[in-house]
Amino acid sequence: MDITTEARPTRSTSWVPLAFMVACALGISIGVTAIMGMLLAALAFSQTTTIVVPFIATFHGFLDTTGTHAVTVTGSWAAAGVVAMVVADALSALAARRWR
């Protein structure tokens, strides 16, 4: 008697898990982009230096007239959005490759 059973679980062919994975990757990449921006602003603030990320943002740390640290941030929201989308694309491609 030859009984063959496959113990491997089957994966859903629905688009819902893939859409959820892409949405999570987008949320993670937006968070990572925001955290990197905050870290660079904190570094420019504490070191009173200017940090330039080409096409994205400039963090200018300086001493105020009263002698306290200050920072100004000038940048492009569109460029930051493109960075987040590129990171999300790479992350979701990596996750999809690992998942399938």
N, C-alpha and C. Protein backbone atom coordinates (compact mmCIF):
# COMPACT_ATOMS: atom_id res chain seq x y z
N MET A 1 0.84 -1.16 0.00
CA MET A 1 0.00 0.00 0.00
C MET A 1 0.89 1.23 0.00
N ASP A 2 0.79 2.00 -1.05
CA ASP A 2 1.63 3.18 -1.21
C ASP A 2 0.78 4.44 -1.08
N ILE A 3 0.95 5.13 0.03
CA ILE A 3 0.19 6.36 0.27
C ILE A 3 1.19 7.53 0.27
N THR A 4 0.93 8.48 -0.60
CA THR A 4 1.81 9.64 -0.68
C THR A 4 1.05 10.86 -0.17
N THR A 5 1.56 11.44 0.86
CA THR A 5 0.96 12.67 1.40
C THR A 5 2.02 13.75 1.40
N GLU A 6 1.59 14.91 1.07
CA GLU A 6 2.52 16.03 1.05
C GLU A 6 2.27 16.87 2.29
N ALA A 7 3.30 17.10 3.07
CA ALA A 7 3.17 17.84 4.31
C ALA A 7 3.42 19.33 4.12
N ARG A 8 3.78 19.72 2.92
CA ARG A 8 4.08 21.13 2.68
C ARG A 8 2.80 21.95 2.61
N PRO A 9 2.71 23.05 3.35
CA PRO A 9 1.49 23.86 3.31
C PRO A 9 1.38 24.57 1.96
N THR A 10 0.17 24.75 1.52
CA THR A 10 -0.06 25.44 0.25
C THR A 10 -0.16 26.93 0.51
N ARG A 11 0.26 27.70 -0.44
CA ARG A 11 0.21 29.16 -0.33
C ARG A 11 -1.00 29.66 -1.09
N SER A 12 -1.56 30.72 -0.57
CA SER A 12 -2.71 31.32 -1.21
C SER A 12 -2.28 32.05 -2.48
N THR A 13 -3.07 31.92 -3.52
CA THR A 13 -2.77 32.64 -4.75
C THR A 13 -3.52 33.97 -4.80
N SER A 14 -4.15 34.34 -3.72
CA SER A 14 -4.87 35.60 -3.66
C SER A 14 -3.91 36.77 -3.64
N TRP A 15 -4.38 37.93 -4.07
CA TRP A 15 -3.55 39.12 -4.08
C TRP A 15 -3.54 39.82 -2.72
N VAL A 16 -4.41 39.41 -1.80
CA VAL A 16 -4.53 40.08 -0.51
C VAL A 16 -3.25 39.99 0.33
N PRO A 17 -2.63 38.81 0.47
CA PRO A 17 -1.38 38.78 1.25
C PRO A 17 -0.27 39.62 0.63
N LEU A 18 -0.20 39.62 -0.69
CA LEU A 18 0.82 40.42 -1.37
C LEU A 18 0.56 41.92 -1.17
N ALA A 19 -0.70 42.33 -1.25
CA ALA A 19 -1.03 43.74 -1.03
C ALA A 19 -0.73 44.15 0.41
N PHE A 20 -1.00 43.27 1.35
CA PHE A 20 -0.69 43.56 2.75
C PHE A 20 0.82 43.70 2.95
N MET A 21 1.57 42.83 2.28
CA MET A 21 3.03 42.88 2.39
C MET A 21 3.57 44.19 1.81
N VAL A 22 3.04 44.63 0.69
CA VAL A 22 3.47 45.88 0.08
C VAL A 22 3.09 47.07 0.96
N ALA A 23 1.90 47.04 1.55
CA ALA A 23 1.47 48.12 2.43
C ALA A 23 2.35 48.19 3.68
N CYS A 24 2.69 47.06 4.23
CA CYS A 24 3.59 47.04 5.39
C CYS A 24 4.97 47.54 5.02
N ALA A 25 5.46 47.16 3.85
CA ALA A 25 6.77 47.63 3.40
C ALA A 25 6.77 49.14 3.22
N LEU A 26 5.67 49.69 2.73
CA LEU A 26 5.57 51.14 2.57
C LEU A 26 5.58 51.83 3.93
N GLY A 27 4.85 51.29 4.88
CA GLY A 27 4.84 51.87 6.22
C GLY A 27 6.20 51.80 6.89
N ILE A 28 6.89 50.68 6.73
CA ILE A 28 8.23 50.53 7.31
C ILE A 28 9.20 51.52 6.65
N SER A 29 9.13 51.65 5.34
CA SER A 29 10.06 52.55 4.66
C SER A 29 9.81 54.01 4.99
N ILE A 30 8.56 54.40 5.17
CA ILE A 30 8.26 55.77 5.59
C ILE A 30 8.82 56.01 6.98
N GLY A 31 8.66 55.04 7.88
CA GLY A 31 9.21 55.17 9.22
C GLY A 31 10.72 55.26 9.23
N VAL A 32 11.38 54.43 8.43
CA VAL A 32 12.85 54.46 8.36
C VAL A 32 13.34 55.79 7.79
N THR A 33 12.66 56.29 6.76
CA THR A 33 13.03 57.58 6.17
C THR A 33 12.87 58.70 7.18
N ALA A 34 11.77 58.70 7.93
CA ALA A 34 11.55 59.73 8.94
C ALA A 34 12.57 59.65 10.06
N ILE A 35 12.88 58.45 10.51
CA ILE A 35 13.86 58.28 11.58
C ILE A 35 15.24 58.75 11.13
N MET A 36 15.63 58.43 9.90
CA MET A 36 16.92 58.91 9.40
C MET A 36 16.96 60.43 9.33
N GLY A 37 15.87 61.05 8.92
CA GLY A 37 15.81 62.51 8.91
C GLY A 37 15.94 63.10 10.29
N MET A 38 15.27 62.49 11.27
CA MET A 38 15.37 62.98 12.65
C MET A 38 16.77 62.79 13.22
N LEU A 39 17.40 61.66 12.89
CA LEU A 39 18.78 61.44 13.37
C LEU A 39 19.75 62.44 12.76
N LEU A 40 19.59 62.73 11.48
CA LEU A 40 20.46 63.72 10.85
C LEU A 40 20.22 65.12 11.42
N ALA A 41 18.96 65.45 11.70
CA ALA A 41 18.66 66.75 12.33
C ALA A 41 19.26 66.83 13.72
N ALA A 42 19.19 65.75 14.47
CA ALA A 42 19.78 65.74 15.82
C ALA A 42 21.30 65.87 15.76
N LEU A 43 21.91 65.23 14.78
CA LEU A 43 23.36 65.33 14.62
C LEU A 43 23.76 66.75 14.26
N ALA A 44 23.06 67.37 13.31
CA ALA A 44 23.37 68.75 12.94
C ALA A 44 23.13 69.69 14.11
N PHE A 45 22.10 69.43 14.92
CA PHE A 45 21.79 70.25 16.08
C PHE A 45 22.90 70.16 17.13
N SER A 46 23.33 68.95 17.44
CA SER A 46 24.30 68.77 18.52
C SER A 46 25.72 69.18 18.12
N GLN A 47 26.06 69.02 16.85
CA GLN A 47 27.42 69.33 16.39
C GLN A 47 27.54 70.70 15.74
N THR A 48 26.43 71.44 15.65
CA THR A 48 26.37 72.75 14.95
C THR A 48 27.11 72.68 13.61
N THR A 49 26.68 71.76 12.80
CA THR A 49 27.28 71.55 11.50
C THR A 49 26.19 71.50 10.44
N THR A 50 26.57 71.53 9.20
CA THR A 50 25.63 71.45 8.09
C THR A 50 25.78 70.10 7.42
N ILE A 51 24.67 69.40 7.28
CA ILE A 51 24.64 68.10 6.63
C ILE A 51 23.76 68.23 5.39
N VAL A 52 24.30 67.87 4.25
CA VAL A 52 23.56 67.97 3.00
C VAL A 52 23.35 66.58 2.43
N VAL A 53 22.11 66.22 2.20
CA VAL A 53 21.76 64.99 1.49
C VAL A 53 21.27 65.45 0.12
N PRO A 54 22.06 65.24 -0.94
CA PRO A 54 21.74 65.83 -2.24
C PRO A 54 20.32 65.50 -2.71
N PHE A 55 19.64 66.52 -3.19
CA PHE A 55 18.29 66.46 -3.76
C PHE A 55 17.20 66.14 -2.73
N ILE A 56 17.57 65.92 -1.46
CA ILE A 56 16.56 65.54 -0.48
C ILE A 56 16.42 66.60 0.61
N ALA A 57 17.49 66.87 1.35
CA ALA A 57 17.38 67.80 2.46
C ALA A 57 18.73 68.37 2.84
N THR A 58 18.66 69.53 3.52
CA THR A 58 19.84 70.16 4.10
C THR A 58 19.52 70.45 5.56
N PHE A 59 20.37 69.99 6.44
CA PHE A 59 20.22 70.20 7.88
C PHE A 59 21.32 71.16 8.30
N HIS A 60 20.93 72.37 8.71
CA HIS A 60 21.91 73.40 9.07
C HIS A 60 21.84 73.64 10.58
N GLY A 61 22.83 73.15 11.30
CA GLY A 61 22.91 73.38 12.73
C GLY A 61 23.78 74.60 13.01
N PHE A 62 23.37 75.43 13.97
CA PHE A 62 24.10 76.65 14.26
C PHE A 62 23.83 77.08 15.70
N LEU A 63 24.60 78.07 16.15
CA LEU A 63 24.37 78.66 17.45
C LEU A 63 23.49 79.89 17.28
N ASP A 64 22.44 79.98 18.06
CA ASP A 64 21.51 81.11 18.00
C ASP A 64 22.17 82.35 18.61
N THR A 65 21.51 83.49 18.50
CA THR A 65 22.07 84.73 19.04
C THR A 65 22.24 84.68 20.55
N THR A 66 21.47 83.85 21.21
CA THR A 66 21.59 83.71 22.67
C THR A 66 22.61 82.65 23.05
N GLY A 67 23.23 82.00 22.07
CA GLY A 67 24.23 80.99 22.34
C GLY A 67 23.69 79.57 22.45
N THR A 68 22.41 79.39 22.19
CA THR A 68 21.84 78.05 22.25
C THR A 68 21.90 77.40 20.86
N HIS A 69 21.88 76.09 20.88
CA HIS A 69 21.92 75.35 19.62
C HIS A 69 20.57 75.49 18.91
N ALA A 70 20.64 75.49 17.58
CA ALA A 70 19.43 75.55 16.76
C ALA A 70 19.71 74.79 15.45
N VAL A 71 18.64 74.43 14.78
CA VAL A 71 18.78 73.73 13.50
C VAL A 71 17.65 74.16 12.58
N THR A 72 17.97 74.31 11.31
CA THR A 72 16.94 74.53 10.30
C THR A 72 17.05 73.39 9.29
N VAL A 73 15.91 72.97 8.83
CA VAL A 73 15.86 71.87 7.86
C VAL A 73 15.13 72.38 6.62
N THR A 74 15.80 72.31 5.49
CA THR A 74 15.17 72.64 4.22
C THR A 74 15.27 71.41 3.33
N GLY A 75 14.19 71.11 2.66
CA GLY A 75 14.22 69.92 1.83
C GLY A 75 13.00 69.79 0.97
N SER A 76 12.92 68.68 0.30
CA SER A 76 11.84 68.40 -0.63
C SER A 76 11.03 67.21 -0.13
N TRP A 77 9.75 67.44 0.10
CA TRP A 77 8.88 66.34 0.51
C TRP A 77 8.74 65.32 -0.61
N ALA A 78 8.75 65.80 -1.85
CA ALA A 78 8.62 64.89 -2.99
C ALA A 78 9.82 63.96 -3.07
N ALA A 79 11.02 64.51 -2.86
CA ALA A 79 12.22 63.67 -2.90
C ALA A 79 12.23 62.67 -1.75
N ALA A 80 11.78 63.09 -0.57
CA ALA A 80 11.69 62.17 0.56
C ALA A 80 10.67 61.06 0.26
N GLY A 81 9.59 61.42 -0.41
CA GLY A 81 8.60 60.42 -0.80
C GLY A 81 9.15 59.43 -1.81
N VAL A 82 9.96 59.92 -2.74
CA VAL A 82 10.58 59.03 -3.73
C VAL A 82 11.54 58.07 -3.03
N VAL A 83 12.30 58.58 -2.07
CA VAL A 83 13.20 57.71 -1.31
C VAL A 83 12.42 56.63 -0.58
N ALA A 84 11.31 57.03 0.06
CA ALA A 84 10.48 56.05 0.77
C ALA A 84 9.91 55.01 -0.19
N MET A 85 9.50 55.44 -1.38
CA MET A 85 8.96 54.49 -2.36
C MET A 85 10.03 53.53 -2.87
N VAL A 86 11.24 54.01 -3.07
CA VAL A 86 12.32 53.14 -3.54
C VAL A 86 12.67 52.11 -2.47
N VAL A 87 12.74 52.56 -1.22
CA VAL A 87 13.02 51.62 -0.12
C VAL A 87 11.88 50.61 0.01
N ALA A 88 10.63 51.07 -0.12
CA ALA A 88 9.48 50.16 -0.04
C ALA A 88 9.50 49.15 -1.18
N ASP A 89 9.87 49.60 -2.37
CA ASP A 89 9.94 48.69 -3.51
C ASP A 89 10.99 47.61 -3.28
N ALA A 90 12.15 48.01 -2.80
CA ALA A 90 13.21 47.04 -2.55
C ALA A 90 12.81 46.07 -1.43
N LEU A 91 12.20 46.61 -0.38
CA LEU A 91 11.79 45.76 0.74
C LEU A 91 10.70 44.78 0.35
N SER A 92 9.71 45.24 -0.41
CA SER A 92 8.63 44.33 -0.82
C SER A 92 9.12 43.31 -1.84
N ALA A 93 10.06 43.68 -2.69
CA ALA A 93 10.62 42.71 -3.63
C ALA A 93 11.41 41.63 -2.88
N LEU A 94 12.17 42.05 -1.89
CA LEU A 94 12.91 41.09 -1.07
C LEU A 94 11.96 40.16 -0.31
N ALA A 95 10.91 40.74 0.26
CA ALA A 95 9.95 39.93 1.02
C ALA A 95 9.17 38.99 0.09
N ALA A 96 8.79 39.46 -1.09
CA ALA A 96 8.05 38.62 -2.02
C ALA A 96 8.92 37.47 -2.51
N ARG A 97 10.19 37.75 -2.72
CA ARG A 97 11.10 36.69 -3.16
C ARG A 97 11.28 35.64 -2.08
N ARG A 98 11.36 36.09 -0.84
CA ARG A 98 11.51 35.16 0.28
C ARG A 98 10.22 34.39 0.52
N TRP A 99 9.08 35.03 0.28
CA TRP A 99 7.77 34.44 0.59
C TRP A 99 7.41 33.36 -0.43
N ARG A 100 7.75 33.57 -1.67
CA ARG A 100 7.32 32.62 -2.72
C ARG A 100 8.23 31.46 -2.84
